[in-house]
Full PDB file with SEQRES, HELIX, SHEET, SSBOND, CRYST1, ORIGX, SCALE, CONECT and MASTER records, all heavy atoms in Angstrom:
SEQRES   1 A   40  ILE SER ARG ASN ASN ALA LYS ASN THR VAL TYR LEU GLU          
SEQRES   2 A   40  MET ASN SER LEU THR PRO GLU ASP THR ALA THR TYR TYR          
SEQRES   3 A   40  CYS ASN LEU ARG THR SER ARG ASP TYR TRP GLY THR GLY          
SEQRES   4 A   40  THR                                                          
HELIX    1 AA1 ASN A    5  LYS A    7  5                                   3    
HELIX    2 AA2 PRO A   19  ASP A   21  5                                   3    
SHEET    1 AA1 2 SER A   2  ASN A   4  0                                        
SHEET    2 AA1 2 THR A   9  TYR A  11 -1                                        
SHEET    1 AA2 2 ASN A  28  ARG A  30  0                                        
SHEET    2 AA2 2 ASP A  34  TRP A  36 -1                                        
CRYST1    1.000    1.000    1.000  90.00  90.00  90.00 P 1           1          
ORIGX1      1.000000  0.000000  0.000000        0.00000                         
ORIGX2      0.000000  1.000000  0.000000        0.00000                         
ORIGX3      0.000000  0.000000  1.000000        0.00000                         
SCALE1      1.000000  0.000000  0.000000        0.00000                         
SCALE2      0.000000  1.000000  0.000000        0.00000                         
SCALE3      0.000000  0.000000  1.000000        0.00000                         
ATOM      1  N   ILE A   1     100.647 117.509 120.229  1.00  0.00           N  
ATOM      2  CA  ILE A   1      99.972 116.270 120.580  1.00  0.00           C  
ATOM      3  C   ILE A   1      98.896 115.993 119.537  1.00  0.00           C  
ATOM      4  O   ILE A   1      98.239 116.910 119.041  1.00  0.00           O  
ATOM      5  CB  ILE A   1      99.370 116.341 122.000  1.00  0.00           C  
ATOM      6  CG1 ILE A   1      98.875 114.964 122.451  1.00  0.00           C  
ATOM      7  CG2 ILE A   1      98.255 117.385 122.090  1.00  0.00           C  
ATOM      8  CD1 ILE A   1      98.514 114.896 123.921  1.00  0.00           C  
ATOM      9  N   SER A   2      98.741 114.728 119.200  1.00  0.00           N  
ATOM     10  CA  SER A   2      97.706 114.328 118.252  1.00  0.00           C  
ATOM     11  C   SER A   2      97.221 112.931 118.630  1.00  0.00           C  
ATOM     12  O   SER A   2      97.860 112.240 119.435  1.00  0.00           O  
ATOM     13  CB  SER A   2      98.227 114.353 116.825  1.00  0.00           C  
ATOM     14  OG  SER A   2      99.324 113.470 116.661  1.00  0.00           O  
ATOM     15  N   ARG A   3      96.100 112.524 118.055  1.00  0.00           N  
ATOM     16  CA  ARG A   3      95.575 111.212 118.378  1.00  0.00           C  
ATOM     17  C   ARG A   3      94.924 110.578 117.162  1.00  0.00           C  
ATOM     18  O   ARG A   3      94.460 111.270 116.258  1.00  0.00           O  
ATOM     19  CB  ARG A   3      94.575 111.286 119.529  1.00  0.00           C  
ATOM     20  CG  ARG A   3      93.331 112.088 119.232  1.00  0.00           C  
ATOM     21  CD  ARG A   3      92.458 112.255 120.463  1.00  0.00           C  
ATOM     22  NE  ARG A   3      91.816 110.994 120.858  1.00  0.00           N  
ATOM     23  CZ  ARG A   3      91.041 110.870 121.925  1.00  0.00           C  
ATOM     24  NH1 ARG A   3      90.849 111.908 122.731  1.00  0.00           N  
ATOM     25  NH2 ARG A   3      90.482 109.717 122.220  1.00  0.00           N  
ATOM     26  N   ASN A   4      94.881 109.264 117.177  1.00  0.00           N  
ATOM     27  CA  ASN A   4      94.176 108.475 116.183  1.00  0.00           C  
ATOM     28  C   ASN A   4      93.091 107.731 116.952  1.00  0.00           C  
ATOM     29  O   ASN A   4      93.376 106.742 117.639  1.00  0.00           O  
ATOM     30  CB  ASN A   4      95.134 107.518 115.480  1.00  0.00           C  
ATOM     31  CG  ASN A   4      94.457 106.723 114.384  1.00  0.00           C  
ATOM     32  OD1 ASN A   4      93.309 106.308 114.522  1.00  0.00           O  
ATOM     33  ND2 ASN A   4      95.168 106.507 113.292  1.00  0.00           N  
ATOM     34  N   ASN A   5      91.880 108.206 116.865  1.00  0.00           N  
ATOM     35  CA  ASN A   5      90.792 107.617 117.655  1.00  0.00           C  
ATOM     36  C   ASN A   5      90.533 106.160 117.276  1.00  0.00           C  
ATOM     37  O   ASN A   5      90.225 105.332 118.134  1.00  0.00           O  
ATOM     38  CB  ASN A   5      89.515 108.431 117.481  1.00  0.00           C  
ATOM     39  CG  ASN A   5      89.612 109.785 118.160  1.00  0.00           C  
ATOM     40  OD1 ASN A   5      90.369 109.977 119.110  1.00  0.00           O  
ATOM     41  ND2 ASN A   5      88.846 110.744 117.674  1.00  0.00           N  
ATOM     42  N   ALA A   6      90.662 105.860 116.000  1.00  0.00           N  
ATOM     43  CA  ALA A   6      90.388 104.496 115.548  1.00  0.00           C  
ATOM     44  C   ALA A   6      91.379 103.506 116.151  1.00  0.00           C  
ATOM     45  O   ALA A   6      91.044 102.334 116.366  1.00  0.00           O  
ATOM     46  CB  ALA A   6      90.426 104.435 114.030  1.00  0.00           C  
ATOM     47  N   LYS A   7      92.586 103.980 116.408  1.00  0.00           N  
ATOM     48  CA  LYS A   7      93.628 103.095 116.941  1.00  0.00           C  
ATOM     49  C   LYS A   7      93.853 103.307 118.434  1.00  0.00           C  
ATOM     50  O   LYS A   7      94.736 102.672 119.015  1.00  0.00           O  
ATOM     51  CB  LYS A   7      94.946 103.333 116.202  1.00  0.00           C  
ATOM     52  CG  LYS A   7      94.911 102.970 114.726  1.00  0.00           C  
ATOM     53  CD  LYS A   7      96.269 103.165 114.081  1.00  0.00           C  
ATOM     54  CE  LYS A   7      96.256 102.767 112.617  1.00  0.00           C  
ATOM     55  NZ  LYS A   7      97.581 102.953 111.969  1.00  0.00           N  
ATOM     56  N   ASN A   8      93.069 104.196 119.050  1.00  0.00           N  
ATOM     57  CA  ASN A   8      93.282 104.530 120.473  1.00  0.00           C  
ATOM     58  C   ASN A   8      94.749 104.840 120.744  1.00  0.00           C  
ATOM     59  O   ASN A   8      95.344 104.334 121.709  1.00  0.00           O  
ATOM     60  CB  ASN A   8      92.798 103.396 121.378  1.00  0.00           C  
ATOM     61  CG  ASN A   8      91.299 103.422 121.581  1.00  0.00           C  
ATOM     62  OD1 ASN A   8      90.646 104.452 121.403  1.00  0.00           O  
ATOM     63  ND2 ASN A   8      90.733 102.283 121.917  1.00  0.00           N  
ATOM     64  N   THR A   9      95.317 105.640 119.886  1.00  0.00           N  
ATOM     65  CA  THR A   9      96.732 105.977 119.980  1.00  0.00           C  
ATOM     66  C   THR A   9      96.908 107.481 120.085  1.00  0.00           C  
ATOM     67  O   THR A   9      96.201 108.240 119.415  1.00  0.00           O  
ATOM     68  CB  THR A   9      97.489 105.444 118.752  1.00  0.00           C  
ATOM     69  OG1 THR A   9      97.321 104.026 118.685  1.00  0.00           O  
ATOM     70  CG2 THR A   9      98.968 105.761 118.845  1.00  0.00           C  
ATOM     71  N   VAL A  10      97.842 107.883 120.916  1.00  0.00           N  
ATOM     72  CA  VAL A  10      98.172 109.299 121.055  1.00  0.00           C  
ATOM     73  C   VAL A  10      99.657 109.483 120.768  1.00  0.00           C  
ATOM     74  O   VAL A  10     100.468 108.604 121.077  1.00  0.00           O  
ATOM     75  CB  VAL A  10      97.794 109.823 122.457  1.00  0.00           C  
ATOM     76  CG1 VAL A  10      98.590 109.128 123.553  1.00  0.00           C  
ATOM     77  CG2 VAL A  10      97.953 111.332 122.538  1.00  0.00           C  
ATOM     78  N   TYR A  11      99.987 110.611 120.168  1.00  0.00           N  
ATOM     79  CA  TYR A  11     101.358 110.901 119.770  1.00  0.00           C  
ATOM     80  C   TYR A  11     101.807 112.220 120.398  1.00  0.00           C  
ATOM     81  O   TYR A  11     100.999 113.105 120.666  1.00  0.00           O  
ATOM     82  CB  TYR A  11     101.463 111.012 118.253  1.00  0.00           C  
ATOM     83  CG  TYR A  11     100.901 109.833 117.508  1.00  0.00           C  
ATOM     84  CD1 TYR A  11      99.595 109.850 117.020  1.00  0.00           C  
ATOM     85  CD2 TYR A  11     101.668 108.688 117.286  1.00  0.00           C  
ATOM     86  CE1 TYR A  11      99.059 108.768 116.345  1.00  0.00           C  
ATOM     87  CE2 TYR A  11     101.141 107.600 116.602  1.00  0.00           C  
ATOM     88  CZ  TYR A  11      99.844 107.648 116.133  1.00  0.00           C  
ATOM     89  OH  TYR A  11      99.319 106.570 115.472  1.00  0.00           O  
ATOM     90  N   LEU A  12     103.098 112.330 120.594  1.00  0.00           N  
ATOM     91  CA  LEU A  12     103.672 113.592 121.031  1.00  0.00           C  
ATOM     92  C   LEU A  12     104.900 113.861 120.170  1.00  0.00           C  
ATOM     93  O   LEU A  12     105.917 113.167 120.291  1.00  0.00           O  
ATOM     94  CB  LEU A  12     104.067 113.548 122.505  1.00  0.00           C  
ATOM     95  CG  LEU A  12     104.579 114.878 123.071  1.00  0.00           C  
ATOM     96  CD1 LEU A  12     103.434 115.906 123.121  1.00  0.00           C  
ATOM     97  CD2 LEU A  12     105.178 114.688 124.467  1.00  0.00           C  
ATOM     98  N   GLU A  13     104.783 114.833 119.308  1.00  0.00           N  
ATOM     99  CA  GLU A  13     105.913 115.230 118.479  1.00  0.00           C  
ATOM    100  C   GLU A  13     106.649 116.348 119.198  1.00  0.00           C  
ATOM    101  O   GLU A  13     106.057 117.389 119.530  1.00  0.00           O  
ATOM    102  CB  GLU A  13     105.437 115.694 117.104  1.00  0.00           C  
ATOM    103  CG  GLU A  13     106.576 115.988 116.145  1.00  0.00           C  
ATOM    104  CD  GLU A  13     106.121 116.062 114.704  1.00  0.00           C  
ATOM    105  OE1 GLU A  13     104.926 115.858 114.445  1.00  0.00           O  
ATOM    106  OE2 GLU A  13     106.971 116.343 113.845  1.00  0.00           O  
ATOM    107  N   MET A  14     107.933 116.121 119.439  1.00  0.00           N  
ATOM    108  CA  MET A  14     108.731 117.056 120.222  1.00  0.00           C  
ATOM    109  C   MET A  14     109.849 117.622 119.361  1.00  0.00           C  
ATOM    110  O   MET A  14     110.652 116.856 118.820  1.00  0.00           O  
ATOM    111  CB  MET A  14     109.321 116.348 121.447  1.00  0.00           C  
ATOM    112  CG  MET A  14     108.274 115.636 122.303  1.00  0.00           C  
ATOM    113  SD  MET A  14     108.943 114.929 123.811  1.00  0.00           S  
ATOM    114  CE  MET A  14     109.963 113.637 123.123  1.00  0.00           C  
ATOM    115  N   ASN A  15     109.898 118.913 119.242  1.00  0.00           N  
ATOM    116  CA  ASN A  15     110.918 119.598 118.453  1.00  0.00           C  
ATOM    117  C   ASN A  15     111.697 120.567 119.336  1.00  0.00           C  
ATOM    118  O   ASN A  15     111.260 120.925 120.431  1.00  0.00           O  
ATOM    119  CB  ASN A  15     110.270 120.355 117.296  1.00  0.00           C  
ATOM    120  CG  ASN A  15     109.524 119.443 116.337  1.00  0.00           C  
ATOM    121  OD1 ASN A  15     110.068 118.443 115.875  1.00  0.00           O  
ATOM    122  ND2 ASN A  15     108.288 119.785 116.028  1.00  0.00           N  
ATOM    123  N   SER A  16     112.827 120.984 118.842  1.00  0.00           N  
ATOM    124  CA  SER A  16     113.667 121.957 119.553  1.00  0.00           C  
ATOM    125  C   SER A  16     113.910 121.535 120.999  1.00  0.00           C  
ATOM    126  O   SER A  16     113.780 122.327 121.930  1.00  0.00           O  
ATOM    127  CB  SER A  16     113.009 123.346 119.519  1.00  0.00           C  
ATOM    128  OG  SER A  16     112.802 123.777 118.199  1.00  0.00           O  
ATOM    129  N   LEU A  17     114.265 120.296 121.156  1.00  0.00           N  
ATOM    130  CA  LEU A  17     114.459 119.754 122.499  1.00  0.00           C  
ATOM    131  C   LEU A  17     115.664 120.383 123.182  1.00  0.00           C  
ATOM    132  O   LEU A  17     116.681 120.696 122.537  1.00  0.00           O  
ATOM    133  CB  LEU A  17     114.610 118.243 122.431  1.00  0.00           C  
ATOM    134  CG  LEU A  17     113.298 117.488 122.150  1.00  0.00           C  
ATOM    135  CD1 LEU A  17     113.573 116.083 121.633  1.00  0.00           C  
ATOM    136  CD2 LEU A  17     112.439 117.435 123.400  1.00  0.00           C  
ATOM    137  N   THR A  18     115.545 120.561 124.470  1.00  0.00           N  
ATOM    138  CA  THR A  18     116.626 121.110 125.292  1.00  0.00           C  
ATOM    139  C   THR A  18     116.932 120.109 126.414  1.00  0.00           C  
ATOM    140  O   THR A  18     116.127 119.223 126.709  1.00  0.00           O  
ATOM    141  CB  THR A  18     116.234 122.447 125.913  1.00  0.00           C  
ATOM    142  OG1 THR A  18     115.270 122.217 126.957  1.00  0.00           O  
ATOM    143  CG2 THR A  18     115.625 123.392 124.882  1.00  0.00           C  
ATOM    144  N   PRO A  19     118.079 120.250 127.048  1.00  0.00           N  
ATOM    145  CA  PRO A  19     118.397 119.339 128.162  1.00  0.00           C  
ATOM    146  C   PRO A  19     117.344 119.376 129.265  1.00  0.00           C  
ATOM    147  O   PRO A  19     117.165 118.365 129.973  1.00  0.00           O  
ATOM    148  CB  PRO A  19     119.753 119.878 128.653  1.00  0.00           C  
ATOM    149  CG  PRO A  19     120.368 120.465 127.425  1.00  0.00           C  
ATOM    150  CD  PRO A  19     119.234 121.090 126.670  1.00  0.00           C  
ATOM    151  N   GLU A  20     116.639 120.484 129.398  1.00  0.00           N  
ATOM    152  CA  GLU A  20     115.587 120.583 130.424  1.00  0.00           C  
ATOM    153  C   GLU A  20     114.384 119.691 130.106  1.00  0.00           C  
ATOM    154  O   GLU A  20     113.536 119.465 130.971  1.00  0.00           O  
ATOM    155  CB  GLU A  20     115.121 122.032 130.579  1.00  0.00           C  
ATOM    156  CG  GLU A  20     116.135 122.965 131.251  1.00  0.00           C  
ATOM    157  CD  GLU A  20     117.365 123.237 130.395  1.00  0.00           C  
ATOM    158  OE1 GLU A  20     117.212 123.343 129.150  1.00  0.00           O  
ATOM    159  OE2 GLU A  20     118.475 123.338 130.953  1.00  0.00           O  
ATOM    160  N   ASP A  21     114.303 119.186 128.899  1.00  0.00           N  
ATOM    161  CA  ASP A  21     113.228 118.271 128.536  1.00  0.00           C  
ATOM    162  C   ASP A  21     113.549 116.825 128.920  1.00  0.00           C  
ATOM    163  O   ASP A  21     112.704 115.938 128.748  1.00  0.00           O  
ATOM    164  CB  ASP A  21     112.956 118.338 127.030  1.00  0.00           C  
ATOM    165  CG  ASP A  21     112.425 119.695 126.602  1.00  0.00           C  
ATOM    166  OD1 ASP A  21     111.526 120.224 127.279  1.00  0.00           O  
ATOM    167  OD2 ASP A  21     112.913 120.221 125.577  1.00  0.00           O  
ATOM    168  N   THR A  22     114.738 116.599 129.411  1.00  0.00           N  
ATOM    169  CA  THR A  22     115.119 115.253 129.836  1.00  0.00           C  
ATOM    170  C   THR A  22     114.231 114.790 130.984  1.00  0.00           C  
ATOM    171  O   THR A  22     114.126 115.462 132.010  1.00  0.00           O  
ATOM    172  CB  THR A  22     116.595 115.228 130.268  1.00  0.00           C  
ATOM    173  OG1 THR A  22     117.415 115.512 129.138  1.00  0.00           O  
ATOM    174  CG2 THR A  22     116.968 113.868 130.835  1.00  0.00           C  
ATOM    175  N   ALA A  23     113.579 113.659 130.786  1.00  0.00           N  
ATOM    176  CA  ALA A  23     112.644 113.141 131.780  1.00  0.00           C  
ATOM    177  C   ALA A  23     112.097 111.802 131.295  1.00  0.00           C  
ATOM    178  O   ALA A  23     112.295 111.422 130.143  1.00  0.00           O  
ATOM    179  CB  ALA A  23     111.484 114.112 131.996  1.00  0.00           C  
ATOM    180  N   THR A  24     111.398 111.128 132.185  1.00  0.00           N  
ATOM    181  CA  THR A  24     110.602 109.985 131.772  1.00  0.00           C  
ATOM    182  C   THR A  24     109.214 110.510 131.415  1.00  0.00           C  
ATOM    183  O   THR A  24     108.596 111.220 132.221  1.00  0.00           O  
ATOM    184  CB  THR A  24     110.521 108.941 132.892  1.00  0.00           C  
ATOM    185  OG1 THR A  24     111.836 108.463 133.186  1.00  0.00           O  
ATOM    186  CG2 THR A  24     109.644 107.771 132.476  1.00  0.00           C  
ATOM    187  N   TYR A  25     108.757 110.153 130.241  1.00  0.00           N  
ATOM    188  CA  TYR A  25     107.475 110.621 129.741  1.00  0.00           C  
ATOM    189  C   TYR A  25     106.452 109.496 129.887  1.00  0.00           C  
ATOM    190  O   TYR A  25     106.700 108.370 129.450  1.00  0.00           O  
ATOM    191  CB  TYR A  25     107.608 111.056 128.282  1.00  0.00           C  
ATOM    192  CG  TYR A  25     108.301 112.393 128.147  1.00  0.00           C  
ATOM    193  CD1 TYR A  25     109.662 112.515 128.422  1.00  0.00           C  
ATOM    194  CD2 TYR A  25     107.598 113.537 127.777  1.00  0.00           C  
ATOM    195  CE1 TYR A  25     110.304 113.737 128.323  1.00  0.00           C  
ATOM    196  CE2 TYR A  25     108.228 114.766 127.675  1.00  0.00           C  
ATOM    197  CZ  TYR A  25     109.577 114.861 127.960  1.00  0.00           C  
ATOM    198  OH  TYR A  25     110.210 116.085 127.867  1.00  0.00           O  
ATOM    199  N   TYR A  26     105.324 109.851 130.482  1.00  0.00           N  
ATOM    200  CA  TYR A  26     104.276 108.884 130.775  1.00  0.00           C  
ATOM    201  C   TYR A  26     103.018 109.207 129.968  1.00  0.00           C  
ATOM    202  O   TYR A  26     102.573 110.363 129.918  1.00  0.00           O  
ATOM    203  CB  TYR A  26     103.919 108.900 132.252  1.00  0.00           C  
ATOM    204  CG  TYR A  26     105.024 108.456 133.159  1.00  0.00           C  
ATOM    205  CD1 TYR A  26     105.929 109.375 133.691  1.00  0.00           C  
ATOM    206  CD2 TYR A  26     105.182 107.111 133.493  1.00  0.00           C  
ATOM    207  CE1 TYR A  26     106.955 108.971 134.530  1.00  0.00           C  
ATOM    208  CE2 TYR A  26     106.196 106.697 134.332  1.00  0.00           C  
ATOM    209  CZ  TYR A  26     107.082 107.636 134.847  1.00  0.00           C  
ATOM    210  OH  TYR A  26     108.103 107.225 135.680  1.00  0.00           O  
ATOM    211  N   CYS A  27     102.452 108.174 129.406  1.00  0.00           N  
ATOM    212  CA  CYS A  27     101.177 108.294 128.727  1.00  0.00           C  
ATOM    213  C   CYS A  27     100.055 108.182 129.765  1.00  0.00           C  
ATOM    214  O   CYS A  27     100.143 107.378 130.705  1.00  0.00           O  
ATOM    215  CB  CYS A  27     101.058 107.183 127.695  1.00  0.00           C  
ATOM    216  SG  CYS A  27      99.519 107.167 126.771  1.00  0.00           S  
ATOM    217  N   ASN A  28      99.019 108.959 129.583  1.00  0.00           N  
ATOM    218  CA  ASN A  28      97.870 108.956 130.492  1.00  0.00           C  
ATOM    219  C   ASN A  28      96.584 108.832 129.695  1.00  0.00           C  
ATOM    220  O   ASN A  28      96.400 109.506 128.677  1.00  0.00           O  
ATOM    221  CB  ASN A  28      97.840 110.236 131.321  1.00  0.00           C  
ATOM    222  CG  ASN A  28      96.563 110.413 132.102  1.00  0.00           C  
ATOM    223  OD1 ASN A  28      95.639 111.109 131.667  1.00  0.00           O  
ATOM    224  ND2 ASN A  28      96.481 109.774 133.256  1.00  0.00           N  
ATOM    225  N   LEU A  29      95.703 107.968 130.167  1.00  0.00           N  
ATOM    226  CA  LEU A  29      94.363 107.834 129.601  1.00  0.00           C  
ATOM    227  C   LEU A  29      93.378 108.128 130.716  1.00  0.00           C  
ATOM    228  O   LEU A  29      93.465 107.528 131.797  1.00  0.00           O  
ATOM    229  CB  LEU A  29      94.149 106.427 129.048  1.00  0.00           C  
ATOM    230  CG  LEU A  29      92.815 106.144 128.338  1.00  0.00           C  
ATOM    231  CD1 LEU A  29      93.005 104.997 127.345  1.00  0.00           C  
ATOM    232  CD2 LEU A  29      91.716 105.771 129.307  1.00  0.00           C  
ATOM    233  N   ARG A  30      92.481 109.047 130.462  1.00  0.00           N  
ATOM    234  CA  ARG A  30      91.523 109.442 131.495  1.00  0.00           C  
ATOM    235  C   ARG A  30      90.115 109.058 131.065  1.00  0.00           C  
ATOM    236  O   ARG A  30      89.634 109.494 130.021  1.00  0.00           O  
ATOM    237  CB  ARG A  30      91.608 110.936 131.757  1.00  0.00           C  
ATOM    238  CG  ARG A  30      90.588 111.468 132.764  1.00  0.00           C  
ATOM    239  CD  ARG A  30      90.987 112.823 133.273  1.00  0.00           C  
ATOM    240  NE  ARG A  30      92.217 112.757 134.058  1.00  0.00           N  
ATOM    241  CZ  ARG A  30      92.854 113.839 134.542  1.00  0.00           C  
ATOM    242  NH1 ARG A  30      92.365 115.050 134.299  1.00  0.00           N  
ATOM    243  NH2 ARG A  30      93.951 113.700 135.241  1.00  0.00           N  
ATOM    244  N   THR A  31      89.504 108.199 131.879  1.00  0.00           N  
ATOM    245  CA  THR A  31      88.088 107.894 131.721  1.00  0.00           C  
ATOM    246  C   THR A  31      87.433 108.342 133.014  1.00  0.00           C  
ATOM    247  O   THR A  31      87.504 109.521 133.370  1.00  0.00           O  
ATOM    248  CB  THR A  31      87.883 106.395 131.441  1.00  0.00           C  
ATOM    249  OG1 THR A  31      88.395 105.623 132.537  1.00  0.00           O  
ATOM    250  CG2 THR A  31      88.592 105.977 130.168  1.00  0.00           C  
ATOM    251  N   SER A  32      86.823 107.426 133.719  1.00  0.00           N  
ATOM    252  CA  SER A  32      86.335 107.757 135.055  1.00  0.00           C  
ATOM    253  C   SER A  32      87.464 107.654 136.072  1.00  0.00           C  
ATOM    254  O   SER A  32      87.309 107.991 137.234  1.00  0.00           O  
ATOM    255  CB  SER A  32      85.200 106.815 135.453  1.00  0.00           C  
ATOM    256  OG  SER A  32      85.643 105.484 135.404  1.00  0.00           O  
ATOM    257  N   ARG A  33      88.596 107.192 135.598  1.00  0.00           N  
ATOM    258  CA  ARG A  33      89.813 107.120 136.394  1.00  0.00           C  
ATOM    259  C   ARG A  33      90.991 107.316 135.462  1.00  0.00           C  
ATOM    260  O   ARG A  33      90.822 107.370 134.250  1.00  0.00           O  
ATOM    261  CB  ARG A  33      89.931 105.766 137.111  1.00  0.00           C  
ATOM    262  CG  ARG A  33      89.833 104.553 136.194  1.00  0.00           C  
ATOM    263  CD  ARG A  33      90.422 103.305 136.795  1.00  0.00           C  
ATOM    264  NE  ARG A  33      91.892 103.363 136.784  1.00  0.00           N  
ATOM    265  CZ  ARG A  33      92.667 102.360 137.152  1.00  0.00           C  
ATOM    266  NH1 ARG A  33      92.139 101.238 137.592  1.00  0.00           N  
ATOM    267  NH2 ARG A  33      93.979 102.484 137.118  1.00  0.00           N  
ATOM    268  N   ASP A  34      92.183 107.404 136.058  1.00  0.00           N  
ATOM    269  CA  ASP A  34      93.393 107.573 135.267  1.00  0.00           C  
ATOM    270  C   ASP A  34      94.123 106.249 135.099  1.00  0.00           C  
ATOM    271  O   ASP A  34      94.266 105.482 136.053  1.00  0.00           O  
ATOM    272  CB  ASP A  34      94.342 108.569 135.943  1.00  0.00           C  
ATOM    273  CG  ASP A  34      93.901 110.002 135.761  1.00  0.00           C  
ATOM    274  OD1 ASP A  34      93.452 110.335 134.650  1.00  0.00           O  
ATOM    275  OD2 ASP A  34      94.004 110.785 136.723  1.00  0.00           O  
ATOM    276  N   TYR A  35      94.592 106.028 133.894  1.00  0.00           N  
ATOM    277  CA  TYR A  35      95.470 104.907 133.595  1.00  0.00           C  
ATOM    278  C   TYR A  35      96.811 105.474 133.131  1.00  0.00           C  
ATOM    279  O   TYR A  35      96.862 106.502 132.454  1.00  0.00           O  
ATOM    280  CB  TYR A  35      94.883 104.029 132.486  1.00  0.00           C  
ATOM    281  CG  TYR A  35      93.576 103.377 132.840  1.00  0.00           C  
ATOM    282  CD1 TYR A  35      92.366 103.999 132.560  1.00  0.00           C  
ATOM    283  CD2 TYR A  35      93.542 102.122 133.461  1.00  0.00           C  
ATOM    284  CE1 TYR A  35      91.165 103.403 132.886  1.00  0.00           C  
ATOM    285  CE2 TYR A  35      92.341 101.525 133.788  1.00  0.00           C  
ATOM    286  CZ  TYR A  35      91.162 102.172 133.495  1.00  0.00           C  
ATOM    287  OH  TYR A  35      89.963 101.577 133.829  1.00  0.00           O  
ATOM    288  N   TRP A  36      97.889 104.740 133.502  1.00  0.00           N  
ATOM    289  CA  TRP A  36      99.227 105.224 133.191  1.00  0.00           C  
ATOM    290  C   TRP A  36     100.046 104.157 132.492  1.00  0.00           C  
ATOM    291  O   TRP A  36      99.928 102.965 132.791  1.00  0.00           O  
ATOM    292  CB  TRP A  36      99.952 105.612 134.482  1.00  0.00           C  
ATOM    293  CG  TRP A  36      99.327 106.763 135.194  1.00  0.00           C  
ATOM    294  CD1 TRP A  36      98.411 106.702 136.202  1.00  0.00           C  
ATOM    295  CD2 TRP A  36      99.562 108.149 134.945  1.00  0.00           C  
ATOM    296  NE1 TRP A  36      98.063 107.971 136.592  1.00  0.00           N  
ATOM    297  CE2 TRP A  36      98.746 108.879 135.851  1.00  0.00           C  
ATOM    298  CE3 TRP A  36     100.370 108.849 134.060  1.00  0.00           C  
ATOM    299  CZ2 TRP A  36      98.732 110.267 135.876  1.00  0.00           C  
ATOM    300  CZ3 TRP A  36     100.350 110.226 134.092  1.00  0.00           C  
ATOM    301  CH2 TRP A  36      99.543 110.935 134.992  1.00  0.00           C  
ATOM    302  N   GLY A  37     100.889 104.609 131.581  1.00  0.00           N  
ATOM    303  CA  GLY A  37     101.888 103.726 131.015  1.00  0.00           C  
ATOM    304  C   GLY A  37     103.073 103.626 131.960  1.00  0.00           C  
ATOM    305  O   GLY A  37     103.127 104.293 132.998  1.00  0.00           O  
ATOM    306  N   THR A  38     104.036 102.803 131.570  1.00  0.00           N  
ATOM    307  CA  THR A  38     105.213 102.597 132.414  1.00  0.00           C  
ATOM    308  C   THR A  38     106.290 103.636 132.176  1.00  0.00           C  
ATOM    309  O   THR A  38     107.255 103.705 132.931  1.00  0.00           O  
ATOM    310  CB  THR A  38     105.794 101.197 132.193  1.00  0.00           C  
ATOM    311  OG1 THR A  38     106.102 101.055 130.799  1.00  0.00           O  
ATOM    312  CG2 THR A  38     104.802 100.123 132.617  1.00  0.00           C  
ATOM    313  N   GLY A  39     106.125 104.427 131.130  1.00  0.00           N  
ATOM    314  CA  GLY A  39     107.052 105.517 130.880  1.00  0.00           C  
ATOM    315  C   GLY A  39     108.103 105.182 129.845  1.00  0.00           C  
ATOM    316  O   GLY A  39     108.503 104.027 129.677  1.00  0.00           O  
ATOM    317  N   THR A  40     108.548 106.212 129.159  1.00  0.00           N  
ATOM    318  CA  THR A  40     109.641 106.085 128.198  1.00  0.00           C  
ATOM    319  C   THR A  40     110.616 107.228 128.445  1.00  0.00           C  
ATOM    320  O   THR A  40     110.211 108.386 128.602  1.00  0.00           O  
ATOM    321  CB  THR A  40     109.115 106.079 126.747  1.00  0.00           C  
ATOM    322  OG1 THR A  40     110.202 105.837 125.845  1.00  0.00           O  
ATOM    323  CG2 THR A  40     108.431 107.384 126.373  1.00  0.00           C  
TER     324      THR A  40                                                      
MASTER        0    0    0    2    4    0    0    6  323    1    0    4          
END                                                                             
């Protein structure tokens, strides 16, 4: 996982993927509460 603070962007580089990694992946931003993306 990495982030670009200037762009408020977070990345997830995934290697050696297996079928068990199959899922919907959700982005989360935590301030005083949680915000969620719609998933990919």
